[in-house]
Every structure is written in C-alpha cells, then in structure tokens.
Amino acid sequence: MAVRRQLDSRFVRLDSNDYDDPDREELLIRELYREFGGPLLRQVRKTTGNDLQWAEDVVQETLVRAWRNSAKLTWEPHLLWAWLLTVARRIVIDGRRRRGVRPREVEAPEEDSLAVPDGADRTLAAIVVADALRNLSAQHREVIEETYLRDRTVSQAAEVLGIPPGTVKSRLFYALRALRTALKERGVAS
C-alpha cells in the first residue's frame, strides 16, 4: 500500500509514484489526524485563549493544508510536527488580525429590548418624589420647596418663611432625613 505506518518512529511514509490515488489521500488525512490531531489541538488551544471551537477550526485548516501540500512535505515526524505547528500558528495570527480589523459580530437586539430615551424614568422619579414630599409635615415640605425646588439659599429661604436661618437649617436636615426614609420605603433610595 502507498501509505505505510512505521511503528517505531510514528510517521507516515509516502511512495512518490502514488500521489494521484484517492484511497491514499483519504488514508493520509486519517493518519495525519490520528497521529497529530490531538496534540495539535492541545497546542492550538493555548494560542487561541482556550477557545475550543476556534482551535478545532485551526486544526482542521492546518490538516487540510498538510493534505494539499502532501507532495512537498517531508514525512519525518519531527519535521512534520514542526511544519504543522508553524502553519497552525500562522492561521491563528491571521485569525487574530482578521478579528482586529473587523468589528465584533453581535446579534441584533429585539425591538422590544431597545431603550428609547423618552423621559419616562425622569417622570416616574418625579412622581415618586412628589408622593414622598406629600407625606412630610408642612414645615419640612416648605423648607425643601424653598431651598431645593426654588433654588434659594438658607438666608433667602429664612427671609421668605419668616424664620431664623438656624431654624431653616435644622428643619432642612430633618426634612431630608424624613424624605430619604420615605423614598427607601418606596424602594427608590438606598
């Protein structure tokens, strides 16, 4: 037969006069895969970042290239192994370069899952805060309204409300604490 396996040196020897024999080619690819497929896959997985699918593709492409170049190869195990590793490394490098040039492919999101900026979150937050403000005492609510909602300083709020600035600060502290508690109860604040 054109392809013989030598048990002691684990390599495939080809007779030069049988390069067009289809049975020889099929046996050659089987023998290559059996002898070098597993070890080559282990080596390639290291270079592909342990990506099994990519590593299997690289091994397959490497063995196909060995089959295509079978007439040119030296079929001694250490030379063949070196050739296979070199080809596999180059395939991985080409793959990395290709991935670096192209944007990463992702599936198109479903229409329902796309977020559309429509202000609904802001409106909902305003409703929840307004509801929490209604639960505060009138004194606390008017201090928050003057300082935060009407953007007045403590002195200006004290003048409008007719109370001392120290009282505004004190009411504001307790009002914010009560508001934070009310928002926590509604699951809004942490």
C-alpha atoms as a PDB file:
ATOM      1  CA  MET A   1       0.000   0.000   0.000  1.00  0.00           C
ATOM      2  CA  ALA A   2       1.165   3.558  -0.743  1.00  0.00           C
ATOM      3  CA  VAL A   3       0.836   4.724   2.837  1.00  0.00           C
ATOM      4  CA  ARG A   4       2.690   2.728   5.484  1.00  0.00           C
ATOM      5  CA  ARG A   5       2.951   3.429   9.134  1.00  0.00           C
ATOM      6  CA  GLN A   6       6.231   2.725  10.802  1.00  0.00           C
ATOM      7  CA  LEU A   7       5.556   1.683  14.376  1.00  0.00           C
ATOM      8  CA  ASP A   8       8.895   2.679  15.885  1.00  0.00           C
ATOM      9  CA  SER A   9       9.092   6.245  14.546  1.00  0.00           C
ATOM     10  CA  ARG A  10       5.356   7.168  14.319  1.00  0.00           C
ATOM     11  CA  PHE A  11       5.389   8.782  10.905  1.00  0.00           C
ATOM     12  CA  VAL A  12       3.771   8.353   7.537  1.00  0.00           C
ATOM     13  CA  ARG A  13       5.951   7.457   4.534  1.00  0.00           C
ATOM     14  CA  LEU A  14       4.629   8.152   1.047  1.00  0.00           C
ATOM     15  CA  ASP A  15       5.723   6.479  -2.137  1.00  0.00           C
ATOM     16  CA  SER A  16       6.302   9.179  -4.727  1.00  0.00           C
ATOM     17  CA  ASN A  17       4.589   7.310  -7.562  1.00  0.00           C
ATOM     18  CA  ASP A  18       1.101   7.196  -5.951  1.00  0.00           C
ATOM     19  CA  TYR A  19       0.239  10.882  -5.496  1.00  0.00           C
ATOM     20  CA  ASP A  20      -3.000  10.689  -7.504  1.00  0.00           C
ATOM     21  CA  ASP A  21      -4.515   7.701  -5.691  1.00  0.00           C
ATOM     22  CA  PRO A  22      -7.791   8.773  -3.930  1.00  0.00           C
ATOM     23  CA  ASP A  23      -7.526   5.957  -1.369  1.00  0.00           C
ATOM     24  CA  ARG A  24      -4.033   7.128  -0.497  1.00  0.00           C
ATOM     25  CA  GLU A  25      -5.278  10.691   0.097  1.00  0.00           C
ATOM     26  CA  GLU A  26      -8.097   9.535   2.343  1.00  0.00           C
ATOM     27  CA  LEU A  27      -5.732   7.323   4.307  1.00  0.00           C
ATOM     28  CA  LEU A  28      -3.234  10.159   4.507  1.00  0.00           C
ATOM     29  CA  ILE A  29      -5.688  12.599   6.067  1.00  0.00           C
ATOM     30  CA  ARG A  30      -6.927   9.942   8.516  1.00  0.00           C
ATOM     31  CA  GLU A  31      -3.372   9.092   9.520  1.00  0.00           C
ATOM     32  CA  LEU A  32      -2.446  12.764   9.917  1.00  0.00           C
ATOM     33  CA  TYR A  33      -5.456  13.411  12.100  1.00  0.00           C
ATOM     34  CA  ARG A  34      -4.915  10.285  14.171  1.00  0.00           C
ATOM     35  CA  GLU A  35      -1.228  10.979  14.759  1.00  0.00           C
ATOM     36  CA  PHE A  36      -1.235  14.743  15.133  1.00  0.00           C
ATOM     37  CA  GLY A  37      -4.854  15.863  15.679  1.00  0.00           C
ATOM     38  CA  GLY A  38      -4.952  15.565  19.480  1.00  0.00           C
ATOM     39  CA  PRO A  39      -1.517  17.022  20.245  1.00  0.00           C
ATOM     40  CA  LEU A  40      -2.052  19.797  17.712  1.00  0.00           C
ATOM     41  CA  LEU A  41      -5.432  20.664  19.229  1.00  0.00           C
ATOM     42  CA  ARG A  42      -3.859  20.923  22.697  1.00  0.00           C
ATOM     43  CA  GLN A  43      -1.157  23.250  21.386  1.00  0.00           C
ATOM     44  CA  VAL A  44      -3.560  25.392  19.387  1.00  0.00           C
ATOM     45  CA  ARG A  45      -5.975  25.794  22.306  1.00  0.00           C
ATOM     46  CA  LYS A  46      -3.191  27.542  24.193  1.00  0.00           C
ATOM     47  CA  THR A  47      -2.733  30.068  21.405  1.00  0.00           C
ATOM     48  CA  THR A  48      -6.456  30.677  20.885  1.00  0.00           C
ATOM     49  CA  GLY A  49      -7.098  31.539  24.519  1.00  0.00           C
ATOM     50  CA  ASN A  50      -8.676  28.139  25.171  1.00  0.00           C
ATOM     51  CA  ASP A  51     -11.379  28.772  22.549  1.00  0.00           C
ATOM     52  CA  LEU A  52     -12.217  25.181  21.602  1.00  0.00           C
ATOM     53  CA  GLN A  53     -14.299  25.982  18.523  1.00  0.00           C
ATOM     54  CA  TRP A  54     -11.635  28.254  17.061  1.00  0.00           C
ATOM     55  CA  ALA A  55      -8.900  25.736  17.928  1.00  0.00           C
ATOM     56  CA  GLU A  56     -10.789  22.940  16.156  1.00  0.00           C
ATOM     57  CA  ASP A  57     -11.176  25.155  13.089  1.00  0.00           C
ATOM     58  CA  VAL A  58      -7.436  25.912  13.124  1.00  0.00           C
ATOM     59  CA  VAL A  59      -6.514  22.212  13.433  1.00  0.00           C
ATOM     60  CA  GLN A  60      -8.859  21.321  10.588  1.00  0.00           C
ATOM     61  CA  GLU A  61      -7.439  24.041   8.349  1.00  0.00           C
ATOM     62  CA  THR A  62      -3.871  23.006   9.253  1.00  0.00           C
ATOM     63  CA  LEU A  63      -4.502  19.387   8.339  1.00  0.00           C
ATOM     64  CA  VAL A  64      -6.229  20.380   5.102  1.00  0.00           C
ATOM     65  CA  ARG A  65      -3.169  22.441   4.183  1.00  0.00           C
ATOM     66  CA  ALA A  66      -0.931  19.462   5.003  1.00  0.00           C
ATOM     67  CA  TRP A  67      -3.075  17.290   2.758  1.00  0.00           C
ATOM     68  CA  ARG A  68      -2.908  19.860  -0.064  1.00  0.00           C
ATOM     69  CA  ASN A  69       0.874  20.101   0.279  1.00  0.00           C
ATOM     70  CA  SER A  70       1.456  16.381   0.858  1.00  0.00           C
ATOM     71  CA  ALA A  71       3.692  16.082  -2.203  1.00  0.00           C
ATOM     72  CA  LYS A  72       6.048  18.783  -0.872  1.00  0.00           C
ATOM     73  CA  LEU A  73       6.265  17.687   2.774  1.00  0.00           C
ATOM     74  CA  THR A  74       8.982  15.690   4.432  1.00  0.00           C
ATOM     75  CA  TRP A  75       7.179  12.948   6.305  1.00  0.00           C
ATOM     76  CA  GLU A  76       9.508  12.553   9.236  1.00  0.00           C
ATOM     77  CA  PRO A  77       7.621  13.089  12.498  1.00  0.00           C
ATOM     78  CA  HIS A  78       9.709  15.909  13.996  1.00  0.00           C
ATOM     79  CA  LEU A  79       9.797  17.851  10.704  1.00  0.00           C
ATOM     80  CA  LEU A  80       6.107  17.266  10.042  1.00  0.00           C
ATOM     81  CA  TRP A  81       5.220  18.288  13.609  1.00  0.00           C
ATOM     82  CA  ALA A  82       7.249  21.493  13.263  1.00  0.00           C
ATOM     83  CA  TRP A  83       5.552  22.257   9.943  1.00  0.00           C
ATOM     84  CA  LEU A  84       2.075  21.661  11.421  1.00  0.00           C
ATOM     85  CA  LEU A  85       2.802  23.907  14.422  1.00  0.00           C
ATOM     86  CA  THR A  86       4.119  26.668  12.168  1.00  0.00           C
ATOM     87  CA  VAL A  87       1.085  26.529   9.893  1.00  0.00           C
ATOM     88  CA  ALA A  88      -1.306  26.455  12.870  1.00  0.00           C
ATOM     89  CA  ARG A  89       0.456  29.424  14.488  1.00  0.00           C
ATOM     90  CA  ARG A  90       0.185  31.405  11.252  1.00  0.00           C
ATOM     91  CA  ILE A  91      -3.522  30.560  10.925  1.00  0.00           C
ATOM     92  CA  VAL A  92      -4.100  31.804  14.493  1.00  0.00           C
ATOM     93  CA  ILE A  93      -2.153  35.003  13.786  1.00  0.00           C
ATOM     94  CA  ASP A  94      -4.188  35.589  10.624  1.00  0.00           C
ATOM     95  CA  GLY A  95      -7.382  34.993  12.603  1.00  0.00           C
ATOM     96  CA  ARG A  96      -6.370  37.496  15.273  1.00  0.00           C
ATOM     97  CA  ARG A  97      -5.524  40.082  12.638  1.00  0.00           C
ATOM     98  CA  ARG A  98      -8.843  39.479  10.913  1.00  0.00           C
ATOM     99  CA  ARG A  99     -10.727  39.872  14.186  1.00  0.00           C
ATOM    100  CA  GLY A 100      -8.832  43.063  14.971  1.00  0.00           C
ATOM    101  CA  VAL A 101      -9.811  44.672  11.669  1.00  0.00           C
ATOM    102  CA  ARG A 102     -13.488  43.742  11.693  1.00  0.00           C
ATOM    103  CA  PRO A 103     -15.877  44.858  14.367  1.00  0.00           C
ATOM    104  CA  ARG A 104     -17.108  42.061  16.573  1.00  0.00           C
ATOM    105  CA  GLU A 105     -20.279  40.441  15.302  1.00  0.00           C
ATOM    106  CA  VAL A 106     -23.261  40.583  17.627  1.00  0.00           C
ATOM    107  CA  GLU A 107     -26.849  39.615  17.181  1.00  0.00           C
ATOM    108  CA  ALA A 108     -29.288  42.411  16.517  1.00  0.00           C
ATOM    109  CA  PRO A 109     -31.308  43.209  19.630  1.00  0.00           C
ATOM    110  CA  GLU A 110     -35.028  42.670  19.607  1.00  0.00           C
ATOM    111  CA  GLU A 111     -37.074  45.807  19.028  1.00  0.00           C
ATOM    112  CA  ASP A 112     -38.799  45.440  22.383  1.00  0.00           C
ATOM    113  CA  SER A 113     -35.498  45.431  24.287  1.00  0.00           C
ATOM    114  CA  LEU A 114     -34.150  48.694  22.820  1.00  0.00           C
ATOM    115  CA  ALA A 115     -34.152  51.563  25.308  1.00  0.00           C
ATOM    116  CA  VAL A 116     -35.598  54.731  23.876  1.00  0.00           C
ATOM    117  CA  PRO A 117     -34.786  57.933  25.742  1.00  0.00           C
ATOM    118  CA  ASP A 118     -38.270  59.305  26.304  1.00  0.00           C
ATOM    119  CA  GLY A 119     -38.056  60.870  29.758  1.00  0.00           C
ATOM    120  CA  ALA A 120     -40.275  58.235  31.354  1.00  0.00           C
ATOM    121  CA  ASP A 121     -37.700  57.462  34.049  1.00  0.00           C
ATOM    122  CA  ARG A 122     -37.424  61.104  34.978  1.00  0.00           C
ATOM    123  CA  THR A 123     -41.202  61.497  35.076  1.00  0.00           C
ATOM    124  CA  LEU A 124     -41.594  58.404  37.212  1.00  0.00           C
ATOM    125  CA  ALA A 125     -38.914  59.608  39.632  1.00  0.00           C
ATOM    126  CA  ALA A 126     -40.648  63.000  39.896  1.00  0.00           C
ATOM    127  CA  ILE A 127     -43.959  61.297  40.704  1.00  0.00           C
ATOM    128  CA  VAL A 128     -42.376  59.165  43.415  1.00  0.00           C
ATOM    129  CA  VAL A 129     -40.571  62.163  44.980  1.00  0.00           C
ATOM    130  CA  ALA A 130     -43.752  64.286  44.867  1.00  0.00           C
ATOM    131  CA  ASP A 131     -45.654  61.478  46.605  1.00  0.00           C
ATOM    132  CA  ALA A 132     -42.951  61.222  49.271  1.00  0.00           C
ATOM    133  CA  LEU A 133     -42.988  65.019  49.757  1.00  0.00           C
ATOM    134  CA  ARG A 134     -46.762  64.917  50.392  1.00  0.00           C
ATOM    135  CA  ASN A 135     -46.149  62.601  53.347  1.00  0.00           C
ATOM    136  CA  LEU A 136     -43.810  65.113  55.060  1.00  0.00           C
ATOM    137  CA  SER A 137     -45.032  67.688  57.559  1.00  0.00           C
ATOM    138  CA  ALA A 138     -45.951  71.112  56.159  1.00  0.00           C
ATOM    139  CA  GLN A 139     -42.917  72.755  57.801  1.00  0.00           C
ATOM    140  CA  HIS A 140     -40.486  70.223  56.329  1.00  0.00           C
ATOM    141  CA  ARG A 141     -42.119  70.344  52.911  1.00  0.00           C
ATOM    142  CA  GLU A 142     -41.970  74.171  52.657  1.00  0.00           C
ATOM    143  CA  VAL A 143     -38.267  74.254  53.660  1.00  0.00           C
ATOM    144  CA  ILE A 144     -37.388  71.707  50.951  1.00  0.00           C
ATOM    145  CA  GLU A 145     -39.518  73.605  48.421  1.00  0.00           C
ATOM    146  CA  GLU A 146     -37.777  76.893  49.153  1.00  0.00           C
ATOM    147  CA  THR A 147     -34.203  75.558  49.189  1.00  0.00           C
ATOM    148  CA  TYR A 148     -34.204  72.775  46.590  1.00  0.00           C
ATOM    149  CA  LEU A 149     -37.156  73.400  44.305  1.00  0.00           C
ATOM    150  CA  ARG A 150     -36.914  77.209  44.165  1.00  0.00           C
ATOM    151  CA  ASP A 151     -33.100  77.150  44.450  1.00  0.00           C
ATOM    152  CA  ARG A 152     -32.833  79.643  47.304  1.00  0.00           C
ATOM    153  CA  THR A 153     -30.052  79.912  49.845  1.00  0.00           C
ATOM    154  CA  VAL A 154     -30.719  79.285  53.531  1.00  0.00           C
ATOM    155  CA  SER A 155     -30.774  83.049  54.200  1.00  0.00           C
ATOM    156  CA  GLN A 156     -33.230  83.687  51.357  1.00  0.00           C
ATOM    157  CA  ALA A 157     -35.482  80.818  52.484  1.00  0.00           C
ATOM    158  CA  ALA A 158     -35.394  82.135  56.062  1.00  0.00           C
ATOM    159  CA  GLU A 159     -36.461  85.590  54.855  1.00  0.00           C
ATOM    160  CA  VAL A 160     -39.342  84.207  52.738  1.00  0.00           C
ATOM    161  CA  LEU A 161     -40.565  81.880  55.511  1.00  0.00           C
ATOM    162  CA  GLY A 162     -40.070  84.473  58.243  1.00  0.00           C
ATOM    163  CA  ILE A 163     -37.947  82.225  60.474  1.00  0.00           C
ATOM    164  CA  PRO A 164     -34.298  82.376  61.575  1.00  0.00           C
ATOM    165  CA  PRO A 165     -31.621  80.775  59.292  1.00  0.00           C
ATOM    166  CA  GLY A 166     -30.680  78.292  62.031  1.00  0.00           C
ATOM    167  CA  THR A 167     -34.247  77.016  62.095  1.00  0.00           C
ATOM    168  CA  VAL A 168     -34.210  76.613  58.304  1.00  0.00           C
ATOM    169  CA  LYS A 169     -31.003  74.538  58.561  1.00  0.00           C
ATOM    170  CA  SER A 170     -32.448  72.364  61.314  1.00  0.00           C
ATOM    171  CA  ARG A 171     -35.769  71.802  59.533  1.00  0.00           C
ATOM    172  CA  LEU A 172     -33.934  71.095  56.280  1.00  0.00           C
ATOM    173  CA  PHE A 173     -31.771  68.443  57.973  1.00  0.00           C
ATOM    174  CA  TYR A 174     -34.780  66.640  59.457  1.00  0.00           C
ATOM    175  CA  ALA A 175     -36.844  67.101  56.304  1.00  0.00           C
ATOM    176  CA  LEU A 176     -34.170  65.485  54.129  1.00  0.00           C
ATOM    177  CA  ARG A 177     -33.848  62.628  56.606  1.00  0.00           C
ATOM    178  CA  ALA A 178     -37.618  62.050  56.572  1.00  0.00           C
ATOM    179  CA  LEU A 179     -37.674  62.294  52.746  1.00  0.00           C
ATOM    180  CA  ARG A 180     -34.845  59.747  52.456  1.00  0.00           C
ATOM    181  CA  THR A 181     -36.753  57.358  54.747  1.00  0.00           C
ATOM    182  CA  ALA A 182     -39.940  57.808  52.704  1.00  0.00           C
ATOM    183  CA  LEU A 183     -38.060  57.103  49.469  1.00  0.00           C
ATOM    184  CA  LYS A 184     -36.453  53.997  50.962  1.00  0.00           C
ATOM    185  CA  GLU A 185     -39.902  52.717  51.865  1.00  0.00           C
ATOM    186  CA  ARG A 186     -40.892  53.115  48.202  1.00  0.00           C
ATOM    187  CA  GLY A 187     -37.757  51.280  47.093  1.00  0.00           C
ATOM    188  CA  VAL A 188     -36.191  54.275  45.355  1.00  0.00           C
ATOM    189  CA  ALA A 189     -33.307  55.359  47.595  1.00  0.00           C
ATOM    190  CA  SER A 190     -30.621  53.144  49.061  1.00  0.00           C
END
